[in-house]
Amino acid sequence: MNKYELALVINGRVDEETKLSTLEKVKEYVDRFGGTISKVDEWGKRKLAYEINKIREGFYYFIHFESNADTPSEIEKRIRIMESILRFLIIRQED
């Protein structure tokens, strides 16, 4: 099992319900493809380093999980098409 960190930036203009449902959907993808979530860091609403589609703020989340090597690619396929997510990045952490 490898350790990974998933960084998410959710659109800052969405309402609370959409934000939480997006986060839950991402967590479900991690579980569905064999990952085990160890920690979720919520950084809250922050100003983006640069404007993305005329949006200047986003909600930042960092999800730490363990899984096999195939899980990150499966998660990326699903996250890529979610409209409320502005940016994401999955990084394998060194032991």
C-alpha atoms as a PDB file:
ATOM      1  CA  MET A   1       0.000   0.000   0.000  1.00  0.00           C
ATOM      2  CA  ASN A   2       1.240   3.447  -0.960  1.00  0.00           C
ATOM      3  CA  LYS A   3       0.468   6.729   0.791  1.00  0.00           C
ATOM      4  CA  TYR A   4      -1.041   9.551  -1.265  1.00  0.00           C
ATOM      5  CA  GLU A   5      -2.192  13.126  -0.775  1.00  0.00           C
ATOM      6  CA  LEU A   6      -5.042  14.548  -2.845  1.00  0.00           C
ATOM      7  CA  ALA A   7      -5.182  18.349  -2.998  1.00  0.00           C
ATOM      8  CA  LEU A   8      -8.554  19.787  -4.060  1.00  0.00           C
ATOM      9  CA  VAL A   9      -9.642  23.325  -4.863  1.00  0.00           C
ATOM     10  CA  ILE A  10     -13.429  23.651  -5.010  1.00  0.00           C
ATOM     11  CA  ASN A  11     -15.070  26.663  -6.652  1.00  0.00           C
ATOM     12  CA  GLY A  12     -15.424  29.490  -4.102  1.00  0.00           C
ATOM     13  CA  ARG A  13     -18.800  30.549  -5.502  1.00  0.00           C
ATOM     14  CA  VAL A  14     -20.690  27.317  -4.742  1.00  0.00           C
ATOM     15  CA  ASP A  15     -23.060  27.076  -1.786  1.00  0.00           C
ATOM     16  CA  GLU A  16     -22.321  25.062   1.360  1.00  0.00           C
ATOM     17  CA  GLU A  17     -24.431  22.089   0.297  1.00  0.00           C
ATOM     18  CA  THR A  18     -22.681  21.741  -3.089  1.00  0.00           C
ATOM     19  CA  LYS A  19     -19.265  22.073  -1.450  1.00  0.00           C
ATOM     20  CA  LEU A  20     -19.991  19.316   1.068  1.00  0.00           C
ATOM     21  CA  SER A  21     -21.575  16.993  -1.511  1.00  0.00           C
ATOM     22  CA  THR A  22     -18.543  17.426  -3.797  1.00  0.00           C
ATOM     23  CA  LEU A  23     -16.185  16.551  -0.947  1.00  0.00           C
ATOM     24  CA  GLU A  24     -18.276  13.504   0.005  1.00  0.00           C
ATOM     25  CA  LYS A  25     -18.330  12.311  -3.604  1.00  0.00           C
ATOM     26  CA  VAL A  26     -14.515  12.493  -3.782  1.00  0.00           C
ATOM     27  CA  LYS A  27     -14.252  10.558  -0.503  1.00  0.00           C
ATOM     28  CA  GLU A  28     -16.605   7.910  -1.928  1.00  0.00           C
ATOM     29  CA  TYR A  29     -14.357   7.544  -4.994  1.00  0.00           C
ATOM     30  CA  VAL A  30     -11.353   6.907  -2.738  1.00  0.00           C
ATOM     31  CA  ASP A  31     -13.302   4.239  -0.823  1.00  0.00           C
ATOM     32  CA  ARG A  32     -14.807   2.665  -3.953  1.00  0.00           C
ATOM     33  CA  PHE A  33     -11.418   2.061  -5.560  1.00  0.00           C
ATOM     34  CA  GLY A  34      -9.807   0.466  -2.527  1.00  0.00           C
ATOM     35  CA  GLY A  35      -8.338   3.470  -0.720  1.00  0.00           C
ATOM     36  CA  THR A  36      -8.391   4.100   3.018  1.00  0.00           C
ATOM     37  CA  ILE A  37      -8.671   7.743   4.102  1.00  0.00           C
ATOM     38  CA  SER A  38      -6.490   8.571   7.083  1.00  0.00           C
ATOM     39  CA  LYS A  39      -6.970  12.345   7.357  1.00  0.00           C
ATOM     40  CA  VAL A  40      -8.827  15.245   5.707  1.00  0.00           C
ATOM     41  CA  ASP A  41      -7.406  18.742   6.180  1.00  0.00           C
ATOM     42  CA  GLU A  42      -9.765  21.629   5.492  1.00  0.00           C
ATOM     43  CA  TRP A  43      -7.973  24.914   4.859  1.00  0.00           C
ATOM     44  CA  GLY A  44     -11.159  26.849   4.193  1.00  0.00           C
ATOM     45  CA  LYS A  45     -11.770  29.582   1.650  1.00  0.00           C
ATOM     46  CA  ARG A  46      -8.624  31.208   0.300  1.00  0.00           C
ATOM     47  CA  LYS A  47      -7.657  33.554  -2.478  1.00  0.00           C
ATOM     48  CA  LEU A  48      -6.288  31.752  -5.543  1.00  0.00           C
ATOM     49  CA  ALA A  49      -2.788  32.544  -6.769  1.00  0.00           C
ATOM     50  CA  TYR A  50      -4.285  33.415 -10.162  1.00  0.00           C
ATOM     51  CA  GLU A  51      -7.759  33.782 -11.585  1.00  0.00           C
ATOM     52  CA  ILE A  52      -9.383  30.642 -13.046  1.00  0.00           C
ATOM     53  CA  ASN A  53     -12.442  31.198 -15.252  1.00  0.00           C
ATOM     54  CA  LYS A  54     -13.009  34.599 -13.560  1.00  0.00           C
ATOM     55  CA  ILE A  55     -13.014  32.947 -10.121  1.00  0.00           C
ATOM     56  CA  ARG A  56     -10.684  34.409  -7.497  1.00  0.00           C
ATOM     57  CA  GLU A  57     -11.381  32.235  -4.422  1.00  0.00           C
ATOM     58  CA  GLY A  58     -11.634  28.538  -3.679  1.00  0.00           C
ATOM     59  CA  PHE A  59     -12.107  26.054  -0.852  1.00  0.00           C
ATOM     60  CA  TYR A  60      -8.926  24.058  -0.199  1.00  0.00           C
ATOM     61  CA  TYR A  61      -8.937  20.429   1.003  1.00  0.00           C
ATOM     62  CA  PHE A  62      -6.124  17.918   1.457  1.00  0.00           C
ATOM     63  CA  ILE A  63      -7.126  14.256   1.669  1.00  0.00           C
ATOM     64  CA  HIS A  64      -4.501  11.764   2.881  1.00  0.00           C
ATOM     65  CA  PHE A  65      -5.142   8.139   1.939  1.00  0.00           C
ATOM     66  CA  GLU A  66      -3.503   4.754   1.407  1.00  0.00           C
ATOM     67  CA  SER A  67      -4.166   2.571  -1.623  1.00  0.00           C
ATOM     68  CA  ASN A  68      -2.635   0.469  -4.352  1.00  0.00           C
ATOM     69  CA  ALA A  69      -1.037   2.032  -7.444  1.00  0.00           C
ATOM     70  CA  ASP A  70      -4.183   1.887  -9.633  1.00  0.00           C
ATOM     71  CA  THR A  71      -6.453   3.936  -7.368  1.00  0.00           C
ATOM     72  CA  PRO A  72      -5.084   7.456  -8.122  1.00  0.00           C
ATOM     73  CA  SER A  73      -5.674   7.122 -11.872  1.00  0.00           C
ATOM     74  CA  GLU A  74      -9.254   5.916 -11.302  1.00  0.00           C
ATOM     75  CA  ILE A  75      -9.941   8.831  -8.950  1.00  0.00           C
ATOM     76  CA  GLU A  76      -8.454  11.332 -11.420  1.00  0.00           C
ATOM     77  CA  LYS A  77     -10.726  10.083 -14.213  1.00  0.00           C
ATOM     78  CA  ARG A  78     -13.804  10.891 -12.132  1.00  0.00           C
ATOM     79  CA  ILE A  79     -12.608  14.158 -10.563  1.00  0.00           C
ATOM     80  CA  ARG A  80     -11.572  15.584 -13.939  1.00  0.00           C
ATOM     81  CA  ILE A  81     -15.205  15.887 -15.080  1.00  0.00           C
ATOM     82  CA  MET A  82     -16.630  17.394 -11.870  1.00  0.00           C
ATOM     83  CA  GLU A  83     -17.672  20.988 -12.562  1.00  0.00           C
ATOM     84  CA  SER A  84     -17.297  22.355  -9.027  1.00  0.00           C
ATOM     85  CA  ILE A  85     -13.610  21.338  -8.759  1.00  0.00           C
ATOM     86  CA  LEU A  86     -11.249  23.973 -10.142  1.00  0.00           C
ATOM     87  CA  ARG A  87      -7.942  22.129  -9.616  1.00  0.00           C
ATOM     88  CA  PHE A  88      -6.706  18.859  -8.133  1.00  0.00           C
ATOM     89  CA  LEU A  89      -3.428  17.044  -7.697  1.00  0.00           C
ATOM     90  CA  ILE A  90      -2.602  13.574  -6.360  1.00  0.00           C
ATOM     91  CA  ILE A  91       0.923  13.113  -5.020  1.00  0.00           C
ATOM     92  CA  ARG A  92       2.529   9.902  -3.778  1.00  0.00           C
ATOM     93  CA  GLN A  93       4.153  10.515  -0.418  1.00  0.00           C
ATOM     94  CA  GLU A  94       7.500   9.001   0.481  1.00  0.00           C
ATOM     95  CA  ASP A  95       7.577   6.667   3.483  1.00  0.00           C
END
